[in-house]
Amino acid sequence: MSEATQSSPTMDLAVLAKLTGGLGDRKTVEKISADFGSLYTEFLPDVFHSETGIHIGVTYGGCRSGLMTSLIDDLGDGYALSDGALRNWSPNFVLGCNSTFIMALMELMLGAAPDTVLQSTERKLSDIELDLATMVFERIANVLRSGVNAAGGFEATLEKPYNSEGRPKPEVPAAPEFGVAIRMGLELGKVKSEFALIIPQRAFLKTNVVVPRAKGQAGKNQQEWTDRMNEQVRRSQVTLEARIRLQKLTLGTISRLAVGDVIAFKDKSDVQVQVSANGRDMYSCEFGRSGERYTVRVKDNISTENEILTHLIG
């Protein structure tokens, strides 16, 4: 009797997907991916410059076929992600952007000179940076919608961005689905980064990519970016710390302090307090009390408003 061989689960999935239009051959996948690459290379820099006044470079970085979950995981922890959908094209796709691009863009939007923005290390993005990522993903999705020409002219819908390490797990595991990851290089001054589109092949293989013409919309949209970022900065929650200087004590006295011992403030009249956030002194205050709560009253600004905002964002 001959020994029977069993197909691997992935092989079975691939065969079924090919038979049902959910997995294409290498040549077809590479051709459509290159069309997406041309779409973003030609269109996204114009859109970005018209809306922000910032020049970026975009290059096609190739593609890879595989299961959607594996393609998303392969991006790594240095990515911000957003789950999207576009009616009459695909009920699901994922946009990803490397954190180094978002961080560099934040610096430029805050007024840094382009030649002072340097390559940084990938890291988890803050809430403020994720809000800026929302605007980046919206522009990437707008280019996608314009290029795939889905019937009805619907806008793409995007979920709130999140750091890749915090990707939510679905309550009910989704059925395995093959996709394609399209990688695009990004250049912002001296910073080199990338973004990615991960698209289910069932929609991808039916796509005829068309490169539209960019329309200059500098004034209104550029102001929208600035206003939206400033609004997010101003409503972000920040933890403040108050520092009060105490009277000087010898090392011998300090080493013998015990529970119940009292140390007096250095100031004998109005007690001076330095208020800081993220290690930067911002206000000079005086110590006091209001009802049952101890308080500090602002007496002087140590930093200007712009210096405070820039520091807190960074």
C-alpha atoms as a PDB file:
ATOM      1  CA  MET A   1       0.000   0.000   0.000  1.00  0.00           C
ATOM      2  CA  SER A   2       1.314   3.427  -0.830  1.00  0.00           C
ATOM      3  CA  GLU A   3       1.471   6.040   1.934  1.00  0.00           C
ATOM      4  CA  ALA A   4      -1.078   8.823   1.449  1.00  0.00           C
ATOM      5  CA  THR A   5       0.108  12.448   1.554  1.00  0.00           C
ATOM      6  CA  GLN A   6      -1.983  15.263   2.997  1.00  0.00           C
ATOM      7  CA  SER A   7      -2.050  18.829   1.672  1.00  0.00           C
ATOM      8  CA  SER A   8      -1.205  21.624   4.084  1.00  0.00           C
ATOM      9  CA  PRO A   9      -4.097  23.898   5.168  1.00  0.00           C
ATOM     10  CA  THR A  10      -2.447  26.881   3.454  1.00  0.00           C
ATOM     11  CA  MET A  11      -2.166  24.931   0.195  1.00  0.00           C
ATOM     12  CA  ASP A  12      -5.834  23.989   0.369  1.00  0.00           C
ATOM     13  CA  LEU A  13      -6.770  27.638   1.001  1.00  0.00           C
ATOM     14  CA  ALA A  14      -4.668  28.782  -1.925  1.00  0.00           C
ATOM     15  CA  VAL A  15      -6.230  26.283  -4.325  1.00  0.00           C
ATOM     16  CA  LEU A  16      -9.741  27.237  -3.240  1.00  0.00           C
ATOM     17  CA  ALA A  17      -8.925  30.963  -3.438  1.00  0.00           C
ATOM     18  CA  LYS A  18      -7.560  30.608  -6.978  1.00  0.00           C
ATOM     19  CA  LEU A  19     -10.680  28.727  -8.064  1.00  0.00           C
ATOM     20  CA  THR A  20     -12.997  31.394  -6.599  1.00  0.00           C
ATOM     21  CA  GLY A  21     -11.143  34.542  -7.711  1.00  0.00           C
ATOM     22  CA  GLY A  22      -9.486  35.297  -4.362  1.00  0.00           C
ATOM     23  CA  LEU A  23      -5.863  34.678  -5.376  1.00  0.00           C
ATOM     24  CA  GLY A  24      -4.113  35.743  -8.567  1.00  0.00           C
ATOM     25  CA  ASP A  25      -0.987  34.596 -10.346  1.00  0.00           C
ATOM     26  CA  ARG A  26       2.290  36.390  -9.735  1.00  0.00           C
ATOM     27  CA  LYS A  27       2.359  38.236 -13.072  1.00  0.00           C
ATOM     28  CA  THR A  28      -1.136  39.666 -12.624  1.00  0.00           C
ATOM     29  CA  VAL A  29      -0.519  40.726  -9.016  1.00  0.00           C
ATOM     30  CA  GLU A  30       2.734  42.471  -9.936  1.00  0.00           C
ATOM     31  CA  LYS A  31       1.108  44.283 -12.882  1.00  0.00           C
ATOM     32  CA  ILE A  32      -1.791  45.697 -10.836  1.00  0.00           C
ATOM     33  CA  SER A  33       0.541  46.558  -7.935  1.00  0.00           C
ATOM     34  CA  ALA A  34       2.785  48.508 -10.289  1.00  0.00           C
ATOM     35  CA  ASP A  35      -0.301  50.420 -11.465  1.00  0.00           C
ATOM     36  CA  PHE A  36      -1.046  51.348  -7.848  1.00  0.00           C
ATOM     37  CA  GLY A  37       2.596  52.382  -7.534  1.00  0.00           C
ATOM     38  CA  SER A  38       2.253  54.724 -10.513  1.00  0.00           C
ATOM     39  CA  LEU A  39      -0.961  56.163  -9.074  1.00  0.00           C
ATOM     40  CA  TYR A  40       0.692  57.146  -5.795  1.00  0.00           C
ATOM     41  CA  THR A  41       4.027  58.162  -7.316  1.00  0.00           C
ATOM     42  CA  GLU A  42       2.373  60.618  -9.681  1.00  0.00           C
ATOM     43  CA  PHE A  43      -0.580  61.818  -7.630  1.00  0.00           C
ATOM     44  CA  LEU A  44       0.177  61.794  -3.886  1.00  0.00           C
ATOM     45  CA  PRO A  45       3.095  64.317  -3.938  1.00  0.00           C
ATOM     46  CA  ASP A  46       0.895  66.892  -5.699  1.00  0.00           C
ATOM     47  CA  VAL A  47      -1.997  66.339  -3.314  1.00  0.00           C
ATOM     48  CA  PHE A  48       0.301  66.576  -0.305  1.00  0.00           C
ATOM     49  CA  HIS A  49       2.025  69.753  -1.460  1.00  0.00           C
ATOM     50  CA  SER A  50      -1.215  71.498  -2.419  1.00  0.00           C
ATOM     51  CA  GLU A  51      -2.742  70.816   0.995  1.00  0.00           C
ATOM     52  CA  THR A  52       0.263  71.285   3.292  1.00  0.00           C
ATOM     53  CA  GLY A  53       2.874  73.232   1.344  1.00  0.00           C
ATOM     54  CA  ILE A  54       5.274  70.353   2.101  1.00  0.00           C
ATOM     55  CA  HIS A  55       7.196  68.511  -0.611  1.00  0.00           C
ATOM     56  CA  ILE A  56       7.412  64.726  -0.332  1.00  0.00           C
ATOM     57  CA  GLY A  57       8.867  62.072  -2.587  1.00  0.00           C
ATOM     58  CA  VAL A  58       6.967  58.849  -3.299  1.00  0.00           C
ATOM     59  CA  THR A  59       8.429  55.724  -4.916  1.00  0.00           C
ATOM     60  CA  TYR A  60       7.074  52.256  -5.598  1.00  0.00           C
ATOM     61  CA  GLY A  61       8.687  49.661  -3.339  1.00  0.00           C
ATOM     62  CA  GLY A  62       7.209  46.426  -4.645  1.00  0.00           C
ATOM     63  CA  CYS A  63       4.497  44.032  -3.519  1.00  0.00           C
ATOM     64  CA  ARG A  64       3.978  40.761  -1.700  1.00  0.00           C
ATOM     65  CA  SER A  65       1.136  38.250  -1.813  1.00  0.00           C
ATOM     66  CA  GLY A  66      -0.054  36.280   1.212  1.00  0.00           C
ATOM     67  CA  LEU A  67      -2.711  35.963   3.881  1.00  0.00           C
ATOM     68  CA  MET A  68      -4.042  39.331   5.052  1.00  0.00           C
ATOM     69  CA  THR A  69      -3.165  38.674   8.700  1.00  0.00           C
ATOM     70  CA  SER A  70       0.423  37.739   7.838  1.00  0.00           C
ATOM     71  CA  LEU A  71       0.897  40.764   5.591  1.00  0.00           C
ATOM     72  CA  ILE A  72      -0.288  43.093   8.371  1.00  0.00           C
ATOM     73  CA  ASP A  73       1.956  41.433  10.959  1.00  0.00           C
ATOM     74  CA  ASP A  74       4.947  41.704   8.615  1.00  0.00           C
ATOM     75  CA  LEU A  75       4.786  45.504   8.749  1.00  0.00           C
ATOM     76  CA  GLY A  76       6.161  45.356  12.299  1.00  0.00           C
ATOM     77  CA  ASP A  77       5.677  47.493  15.405  1.00  0.00           C
ATOM     78  CA  GLY A  78       6.900  50.736  13.851  1.00  0.00           C
ATOM     79  CA  TYR A  79       3.671  51.287  11.921  1.00  0.00           C
ATOM     80  CA  ALA A  80       0.449  53.158  12.504  1.00  0.00           C
ATOM     81  CA  LEU A  81      -2.538  51.378  10.942  1.00  0.00           C
ATOM     82  CA  SER A  82      -6.049  52.268   9.891  1.00  0.00           C
ATOM     83  CA  ASP A  83      -8.775  49.843   8.785  1.00  0.00           C
ATOM     84  CA  GLY A  84     -10.803  51.051   5.834  1.00  0.00           C
ATOM     85  CA  ALA A  85     -13.612  50.227   3.428  1.00  0.00           C
ATOM     86  CA  LEU A  86     -14.750  51.620   0.103  1.00  0.00           C
ATOM     87  CA  ARG A  87     -18.276  50.914  -1.053  1.00  0.00           C
ATOM     88  CA  ASN A  88     -18.571  49.146  -4.414  1.00  0.00           C
ATOM     89  CA  TRP A  89     -14.886  48.249  -4.326  1.00  0.00           C
ATOM     90  CA  SER A  90     -13.775  46.482  -1.133  1.00  0.00           C
ATOM     91  CA  PRO A  91     -15.479  46.052   2.265  1.00  0.00           C
ATOM     92  CA  ASN A  92     -12.086  45.953   3.959  1.00  0.00           C
ATOM     93  CA  PHE A  93      -8.512  47.057   3.423  1.00  0.00           C
ATOM     94  CA  VAL A  94      -5.701  48.296   5.686  1.00  0.00           C
ATOM     95  CA  LEU A  95      -3.520  51.389   5.362  1.00  0.00           C
ATOM     96  CA  GLY A  96      -0.212  51.565   7.194  1.00  0.00           C
ATOM     97  CA  CYS A  97       2.337  54.346   7.629  1.00  0.00           C
ATOM     98  CA  ASN A  98       5.739  54.128   9.275  1.00  0.00           C
ATOM     99  CA  SER A  99       5.947  56.195  12.454  1.00  0.00           C
ATOM    100  CA  THR A 100       9.097  58.018  11.304  1.00  0.00           C
ATOM    101  CA  PHE A 101       7.128  59.856   8.592  1.00  0.00           C
ATOM    102  CA  ILE A 102       4.423  60.995  11.021  1.00  0.00           C
ATOM    103  CA  MET A 103       7.024  62.236  13.510  1.00  0.00           C
ATOM    104  CA  ALA A 104       8.917  64.167  10.832  1.00  0.00           C
ATOM    105  CA  LEU A 105       5.692  65.657   9.470  1.00  0.00           C
ATOM    106  CA  MET A 106       4.703  66.780  12.978  1.00  0.00           C
ATOM    107  CA  GLU A 107       8.001  68.638  13.348  1.00  0.00           C
ATOM    108  CA  LEU A 108       7.524  70.431  10.031  1.00  0.00           C
ATOM    109  CA  MET A 109       3.915  71.352  10.788  1.00  0.00           C
ATOM    110  CA  LEU A 110       5.155  72.944  14.014  1.00  0.00           C
ATOM    111  CA  GLY A 111       7.517  75.179  12.072  1.00  0.00           C
ATOM    112  CA  ALA A 112      10.823  73.291  12.116  1.00  0.00           C
ATOM    113  CA  ALA A 113      13.177  74.068   9.236  1.00  0.00           C
ATOM    114  CA  PRO A 114      13.250  71.156   6.749  1.00  0.00           C
ATOM    115  CA  ASP A 115      17.029  70.730   7.056  1.00  0.00           C
ATOM    116  CA  THR A 116      16.768  70.303  10.841  1.00  0.00           C
ATOM    117  CA  VAL A 117      14.346  67.335  10.677  1.00  0.00           C
ATOM    118  CA  LEU A 118      16.465  64.201  10.864  1.00  0.00           C
ATOM    119  CA  GLN A 119      15.835  60.464  10.610  1.00  0.00           C
ATOM    120  CA  SER A 120      14.451  59.161  13.890  1.00  0.00           C
ATOM    121  CA  THR A 121      13.962  55.736  15.424  1.00  0.00           C
ATOM    122  CA  GLU A 122      10.621  53.978  14.962  1.00  0.00           C
ATOM    123  CA  ARG A 123       8.424  54.176  18.056  1.00  0.00           C
ATOM    124  CA  LYS A 124       4.841  54.074  19.251  1.00  0.00           C
ATOM    125  CA  LEU A 125       2.992  57.258  18.257  1.00  0.00           C
ATOM    126  CA  SER A 126       1.376  59.539  20.819  1.00  0.00           C
ATOM    127  CA  ASP A 127      -2.332  60.418  20.679  1.00  0.00           C
ATOM    128  CA  ILE A 128      -1.508  63.779  19.087  1.00  0.00           C
ATOM    129  CA  GLU A 129       0.647  62.105  16.439  1.00  0.00           C
ATOM    130  CA  LEU A 130      -2.091  59.548  15.740  1.00  0.00           C
ATOM    131  CA  ASP A 131      -4.479  62.423  15.094  1.00  0.00           C
ATOM    132  CA  LEU A 132      -2.055  63.741  12.484  1.00  0.00           C
ATOM    133  CA  ALA A 133      -1.841  60.185  11.086  1.00  0.00           C
ATOM    134  CA  THR A 134      -5.614  60.365  10.552  1.00  0.00           C
ATOM    135  CA  MET A 135      -5.105  63.242   8.142  1.00  0.00           C
ATOM    136  CA  VAL A 136      -2.308  61.402   6.332  1.00  0.00           C
ATOM    137  CA  PHE A 137      -4.455  58.287   5.932  1.00  0.00           C
ATOM    138  CA  GLU A 138      -7.368  60.372   4.654  1.00  0.00           C
ATOM    139  CA  ARG A 139      -5.172  61.698   1.829  1.00  0.00           C
ATOM    140  CA  ILE A 140      -3.871  58.230   0.990  1.00  0.00           C
ATOM    141  CA  ALA A 141      -7.460  56.945   0.934  1.00  0.00           C
ATOM    142  CA  ASN A 142      -8.593  59.847  -1.277  1.00  0.00           C
ATOM    143  CA  VAL A 143      -5.941  58.934  -3.832  1.00  0.00           C
ATOM    144  CA  LEU A 144      -7.079  55.308  -3.629  1.00  0.00           C
ATOM    145  CA  ARG A 145     -10.720  56.277  -4.229  1.00  0.00           C
ATOM    146  CA  SER A 146      -9.775  58.480  -7.193  1.00  0.00           C
ATOM    147  CA  GLY A 147      -7.661  55.770  -8.784  1.00  0.00           C
ATOM    148  CA  VAL A 148      -9.916  52.727  -8.493  1.00  0.00           C
ATOM    149  CA  ASN A 149     -13.043  54.582  -9.694  1.00  0.00           C
ATOM    150  CA  ALA A 150     -15.518  52.608  -7.598  1.00  0.00           C
ATOM    151  CA  ALA A 151     -19.085  53.017  -8.861  1.00  0.00           C
ATOM    152  CA  GLY A 152     -21.155  55.657  -7.093  1.00  0.00           C
ATOM    153  CA  GLY A 153     -18.333  58.018  -6.176  1.00  0.00           C
ATOM    154  CA  PHE A 154     -18.442  57.114  -2.486  1.00  0.00           C
ATOM    155  CA  GLU A 155     -15.785  58.293  -0.039  1.00  0.00           C
ATOM    156  CA  ALA A 156     -13.607  55.730   1.681  1.00  0.00           C
ATOM    157  CA  THR A 157     -14.410  55.203   5.361  1.00  0.00           C
ATOM    158  CA  LEU A 158     -11.504  54.861   7.776  1.00  0.00           C
ATOM    159  CA  GLU A 159     -11.356  53.747  11.384  1.00  0.00           C
ATOM    160  CA  LYS A 160      -9.314  55.731  13.909  1.00  0.00           C
ATOM    161  CA  PRO A 161      -5.572  54.990  13.509  1.00  0.00           C
ATOM    162  CA  TYR A 162      -3.782  52.912  16.107  1.00  0.00           C
ATOM    163  CA  ASN A 163      -0.252  51.672  16.725  1.00  0.00           C
ATOM    164  CA  SER A 164       0.305  48.259  15.130  1.00  0.00           C
ATOM    165  CA  GLU A 165       1.187  46.648  18.449  1.00  0.00           C
ATOM    166  CA  GLY A 166      -2.277  47.562  19.686  1.00  0.00           C
ATOM    167  CA  ARG A 167      -4.218  46.085  16.767  1.00  0.00           C
ATOM    168  CA  PRO A 168      -7.592  44.953  18.159  1.00  0.00           C
ATOM    169  CA  LYS A 169      -8.434  41.282  17.887  1.00  0.00           C
ATOM    170  CA  PRO A 170     -11.862  40.518  16.379  1.00  0.00           C
ATOM    171  CA  GLU A 171     -14.427  38.903  18.667  1.00  0.00           C
ATOM    172  CA  VAL A 172     -15.120  36.353  15.933  1.00  0.00           C
ATOM    173  CA  PRO A 173     -12.030  35.297  13.931  1.00  0.00           C
ATOM    174  CA  ALA A 174     -12.422  36.210  10.271  1.00  0.00           C
ATOM    175  CA  ALA A 175     -12.113  33.591   7.568  1.00  0.00           C
ATOM    176  CA  PRO A 176      -8.585  33.415   6.099  1.00  0.00           C
ATOM    177  CA  GLU A 177      -8.289  35.773   3.142  1.00  0.00           C
ATOM    178  CA  PHE A 178      -5.473  36.347   0.663  1.00  0.00           C
ATOM    179  CA  GLY A 179      -4.298  39.861   0.030  1.00  0.00           C
ATOM    180  CA  VAL A 180      -1.471  41.877  -1.457  1.00  0.00           C
ATOM    181  CA  ALA A 181       0.756  44.330   0.405  1.00  0.00           C
ATOM    182  CA  ILE A 182       1.889  47.265  -1.743  1.00  0.00           C
ATOM    183  CA  ARG A 183       4.860  49.108  -0.225  1.00  0.00           C
ATOM    184  CA  MET A 184       5.543  52.738  -1.129  1.00  0.00           C
ATOM    185  CA  GLY A 185       8.671  54.655  -0.199  1.00  0.00           C
ATOM    186  CA  LEU A 186       8.317  58.143   1.337  1.00  0.00           C
ATOM    187  CA  GLU A 187      10.933  60.891   1.476  1.00  0.00           C
ATOM    188  CA  LEU A 188      10.478  64.003   3.572  1.00  0.00           C
ATOM    189  CA  GLY A 189      13.664  66.043   3.417  1.00  0.00           C
ATOM    190  CA  LYS A 190      16.371  63.886   5.011  1.00  0.00           C
ATOM    191  CA  VAL A 191      13.848  61.392   6.367  1.00  0.00           C
ATOM    192  CA  LYS A 192      13.215  58.152   4.496  1.00  0.00           C
ATOM    193  CA  SER A 193      10.098  56.200   5.446  1.00  0.00           C
ATOM    194  CA  GLU A 194       7.250  54.283   3.811  1.00  0.00           C
ATOM    195  CA  PHE A 195       3.558  53.545   3.760  1.00  0.00           C
ATOM    196  CA  ALA A 196       1.666  50.433   2.695  1.00  0.00           C
ATOM    197  CA  LEU A 197      -1.694  49.339   1.343  1.00  0.00           C
ATOM    198  CA  ILE A 198      -2.911  45.852   2.185  1.00  0.00           C
ATOM    199  CA  ILE A 199      -5.810  44.936  -0.074  1.00  0.00           C
ATOM    200  CA  PRO A 200      -7.842  41.705  -0.315  1.00  0.00           C
ATOM    201  CA  GLN A 201      -7.086  40.101  -3.655  1.00  0.00           C
ATOM    202  CA  ARG A 202     -10.756  39.453  -4.331  1.00  0.00           C
ATOM    203  CA  ALA A 203     -11.188  43.216  -4.855  1.00  0.00           C
ATOM    204  CA  PHE A 204      -7.626  43.902  -5.977  1.00  0.00           C
ATOM    205  CA  LEU A 205      -7.741  41.538  -8.964  1.00  0.00           C
ATOM    206  CA  LYS A 206     -10.857  43.253 -10.353  1.00  0.00           C
ATOM    207  CA  THR A 207      -9.316  46.722 -10.098  1.00  0.00           C
ATOM    208  CA  ASN A 208      -8.494  48.842 -13.120  1.00  0.00           C
ATOM    209  CA  VAL A 209      -6.269  51.620 -11.770  1.00  0.00           C
ATOM    210  CA  VAL A 210      -6.614  55.040 -13.440  1.00  0.00           C
ATOM    211  CA  VAL A 211      -4.302  57.946 -12.588  1.00  0.00           C
ATOM    212  CA  PRO A 212      -6.384  61.141 -12.203  1.00  0.00           C
ATOM    213  CA  ARG A 213      -5.181  64.710 -12.412  1.00  0.00           C
ATOM    214  CA  ALA A 214      -4.244  66.497  -9.212  1.00  0.00           C
ATOM    215  CA  LYS A 215      -6.141  69.691  -8.432  1.00  0.00           C
ATOM    216  CA  GLY A 216      -4.413  72.464  -6.499  1.00  0.00           C
ATOM    217  CA  GLN A 217      -6.339  73.340  -3.337  1.00  0.00           C
ATOM    218  CA  ALA A 218      -3.609  74.955  -1.302  1.00  0.00           C
ATOM    219  CA  GLY A 219      -5.235  77.743   0.702  1.00  0.00           C
ATOM    220  CA  LYS A 220      -8.250  76.208   2.398  1.00  0.00           C
ATOM    221  CA  ASN A 221      -6.891  72.684   2.876  1.00  0.00           C
ATOM    222  CA  GLN A 222      -3.503  73.800   4.182  1.00  0.00           C
ATOM    223  CA  GLN A 223      -5.254  75.944   6.790  1.00  0.00           C
ATOM    224  CA  GLU A 224      -7.449  72.925   7.678  1.00  0.00           C
ATOM    225  CA  TRP A 225      -4.361  70.855   8.526  1.00  0.00           C
ATOM    226  CA  THR A 226      -2.932  73.626  10.701  1.00  0.00           C
ATOM    227  CA  ASP A 227      -6.212  74.381  12.488  1.00  0.00           C
ATOM    228  CA  ARG A 228      -7.005  70.728  13.126  1.00  0.00           C
ATOM    229  CA  MET A 229      -3.592  69.961  14.562  1.00  0.00           C
ATOM    230  CA  ASN A 230      -3.637  73.050  16.785  1.00  0.00           C
ATOM    231  CA  GLU A 231      -7.092  72.099  18.053  1.00  0.00           C
ATOM    232  CA  GLN A 232      -5.944  68.572  18.925  1.00  0.00           C
ATOM    233  CA  VAL A 233      -2.878  69.893  20.726  1.00  0.00           C
ATOM    234  CA  ARG A 234      -4.910  72.293  22.830  1.00  0.00           C
ATOM    235  CA  ARG A 235      -7.478  69.691  23.950  1.00  0.00           C
ATOM    236  CA  SER A 236      -4.952  67.007  24.806  1.00  0.00           C
ATOM    237  CA  GLN A 237      -4.691  66.078  28.482  1.00  0.00           C
ATOM    238  CA  VAL A 238      -1.292  66.840  30.071  1.00  0.00           C
ATOM    239  CA  THR A 239      -0.054  65.828  33.526  1.00  0.00           C
ATOM    240  CA  LEU A 240       1.433  68.772  35.446  1.00  0.00           C
ATOM    241  CA  GLU A 241       3.935  68.511  38.276  1.00  0.00           C
ATOM    242  CA  ALA A 242       4.608  71.080  41.000  1.00  0.00           C
ATOM    243  CA  ARG A 243       8.029  71.393  42.640  1.00  0.00           C
ATOM    244  CA  ILE A 244       8.518  73.171  45.987  1.00  0.00           C
ATOM    245  CA  ARG A 245      11.944  73.785  47.469  1.00  0.00           C
ATOM    246  CA  LEU A 246      12.429  72.666  51.077  1.00  0.00           C
ATOM    247  CA  GLN A 247      14.817  74.023  53.698  1.00  0.00           C
ATOM    248  CA  LYS A 248      18.405  72.818  53.516  1.00  0.00           C
ATOM    249  CA  LEU A 249      19.365  69.906  55.759  1.00  0.00           C
ATOM    250  CA  THR A 250      22.674  68.193  56.365  1.00  0.00           C
ATOM    251  CA  LEU A 251      23.219  64.690  55.031  1.00  0.00           C
ATOM    252  CA  GLY A 252      23.427  63.441  58.611  1.00  0.00           C
ATOM    253  CA  THR A 253      19.975  64.868  59.416  1.00  0.00           C
ATOM    254  CA  ILE A 254      18.476  63.516  56.195  1.00  0.00           C
ATOM    255  CA  SER A 255      19.821  60.022  56.892  1.00  0.00           C
ATOM    256  CA  ARG A 256      18.098  59.985  60.295  1.00  0.00           C
ATOM    257  CA  LEU A 257      14.647  61.186  59.171  1.00  0.00           C
ATOM    258  CA  ALA A 258      11.856  58.980  60.470  1.00  0.00           C
ATOM    259  CA  VAL A 259       8.094  58.687  60.102  1.00  0.00           C
ATOM    260  CA  GLY A 260       6.443  61.792  61.574  1.00  0.00           C
ATOM    261  CA  ASP A 261       9.421  64.160  61.143  1.00  0.00           C
ATOM    262  CA  VAL A 262       8.583  67.515  59.545  1.00  0.00           C
ATOM    263  CA  ILE A 263      10.601  69.391  56.902  1.00  0.00           C
ATOM    264  CA  ALA A 264       9.792  73.072  56.433  1.00  0.00           C
ATOM    265  CA  PHE A 265       9.471  74.876  53.081  1.00  0.00           C
ATOM    266  CA  LYS A 266      12.416  77.088  52.124  1.00  0.00           C
ATOM    267  CA  ASP A 267      10.218  80.182  51.671  1.00  0.00           C
ATOM    268  CA  LYS A 268       8.839  81.739  54.840  1.00  0.00           C
ATOM    269  CA  SER A 269       6.097  83.934  53.291  1.00  0.00           C
ATOM    270  CA  ASP A 270       4.602  83.114  49.895  1.00  0.00           C
ATOM    271  CA  VAL A 271       5.789  79.615  49.022  1.00  0.00           C
ATOM    272  CA  GLN A 272       7.222  79.578  45.489  1.00  0.00           C
ATOM    273  CA  VAL A 273       6.303  76.642  43.229  1.00  0.00           C
ATOM    274  CA  GLN A 274       7.679  75.643  39.814  1.00  0.00           C
ATOM    275  CA  VAL A 275       5.078  73.908  37.613  1.00  0.00           C
ATOM    276  CA  SER A 276       6.363  71.648  34.841  1.00  0.00           C
ATOM    277  CA  ALA A 277       5.219  69.024  32.320  1.00  0.00           C
ATOM    278  CA  ASN A 278       7.383  66.409  30.625  1.00  0.00           C
ATOM    279  CA  GLY A 279      10.420  67.826  32.443  1.00  0.00           C
ATOM    280  CA  ARG A 280      10.044  71.445  31.252  1.00  0.00           C
ATOM    281  CA  ASP A 281       9.314  74.321  33.646  1.00  0.00           C
ATOM    282  CA  MET A 282       6.349  76.338  32.389  1.00  0.00           C
ATOM    283  CA  TYR A 283       5.027  78.539  35.217  1.00  0.00           C
ATOM    284  CA  SER A 284       6.188  80.149  38.428  1.00  0.00           C
ATOM    285  CA  CYS A 285       3.404  79.865  41.026  1.00  0.00           C
ATOM    286  CA  GLU A 286       2.627  80.446  44.680  1.00  0.00           C
ATOM    287  CA  PHE A 287       1.381  77.735  47.005  1.00  0.00           C
ATOM    288  CA  GLY A 288      -2.053  78.144  48.611  1.00  0.00           C
ATOM    289  CA  ARG A 289      -5.330  76.533  49.519  1.00  0.00           C
ATOM    290  CA  SER A 290      -8.942  76.728  48.291  1.00  0.00           C
ATOM    291  CA  GLY A 291     -11.480  75.041  50.525  1.00  0.00           C
ATOM    292  CA  GLU A 292     -10.296  71.514  51.210  1.00  0.00           C
ATOM    293  CA  ARG A 293      -7.823  71.413  48.330  1.00  0.00           C
ATOM    294  CA  TYR A 294      -4.260  72.686  48.146  1.00  0.00           C
ATOM    295  CA  THR A 295      -3.623  74.834  45.065  1.00  0.00           C
ATOM    296  CA  VAL A 296      -1.004  76.818  43.162  1.00  0.00           C
ATOM    297  CA  ARG A 297      -1.647  80.264  41.671  1.00  0.00           C
ATOM    298  CA  VAL A 298       0.166  81.234  38.462  1.00  0.00           C
ATOM    299  CA  LYS A 299       2.378  84.300  38.990  1.00  0.00           C
ATOM    300  CA  ASP A 300       4.617  84.273  35.925  1.00  0.00           C
ATOM    301  CA  ASN A 301       5.157  82.433  32.629  1.00  0.00           C
ATOM    302  CA  ILE A 302       8.560  80.779  32.301  1.00  0.00           C
ATOM    303  CA  SER A 303       7.910  79.587  28.705  1.00  0.00           C
ATOM    304  CA  THR A 304       5.924  81.142  25.859  1.00  0.00           C
ATOM    305  CA  GLU A 305       2.776  79.492  24.495  1.00  0.00           C
ATOM    306  CA  ASN A 306       4.554  78.246  21.353  1.00  0.00           C
ATOM    307  CA  GLU A 307       7.462  76.864  23.385  1.00  0.00           C
ATOM    308  CA  ILE A 308       5.046  74.990  25.650  1.00  0.00           C
ATOM    309  CA  LEU A 309       3.062  73.491  22.744  1.00  0.00           C
ATOM    310  CA  THR A 310       6.184  72.487  20.852  1.00  0.00           C
ATOM    311  CA  HIS A 311       7.688  70.831  23.916  1.00  0.00           C
ATOM    312  CA  LEU A 312       4.534  68.925  24.872  1.00  0.00           C
ATOM    313  CA  ILE A 313       4.066  67.570  21.350  1.00  0.00           C
ATOM    314  CA  GLY A 314       7.689  66.505  21.055  1.00  0.00           C
END
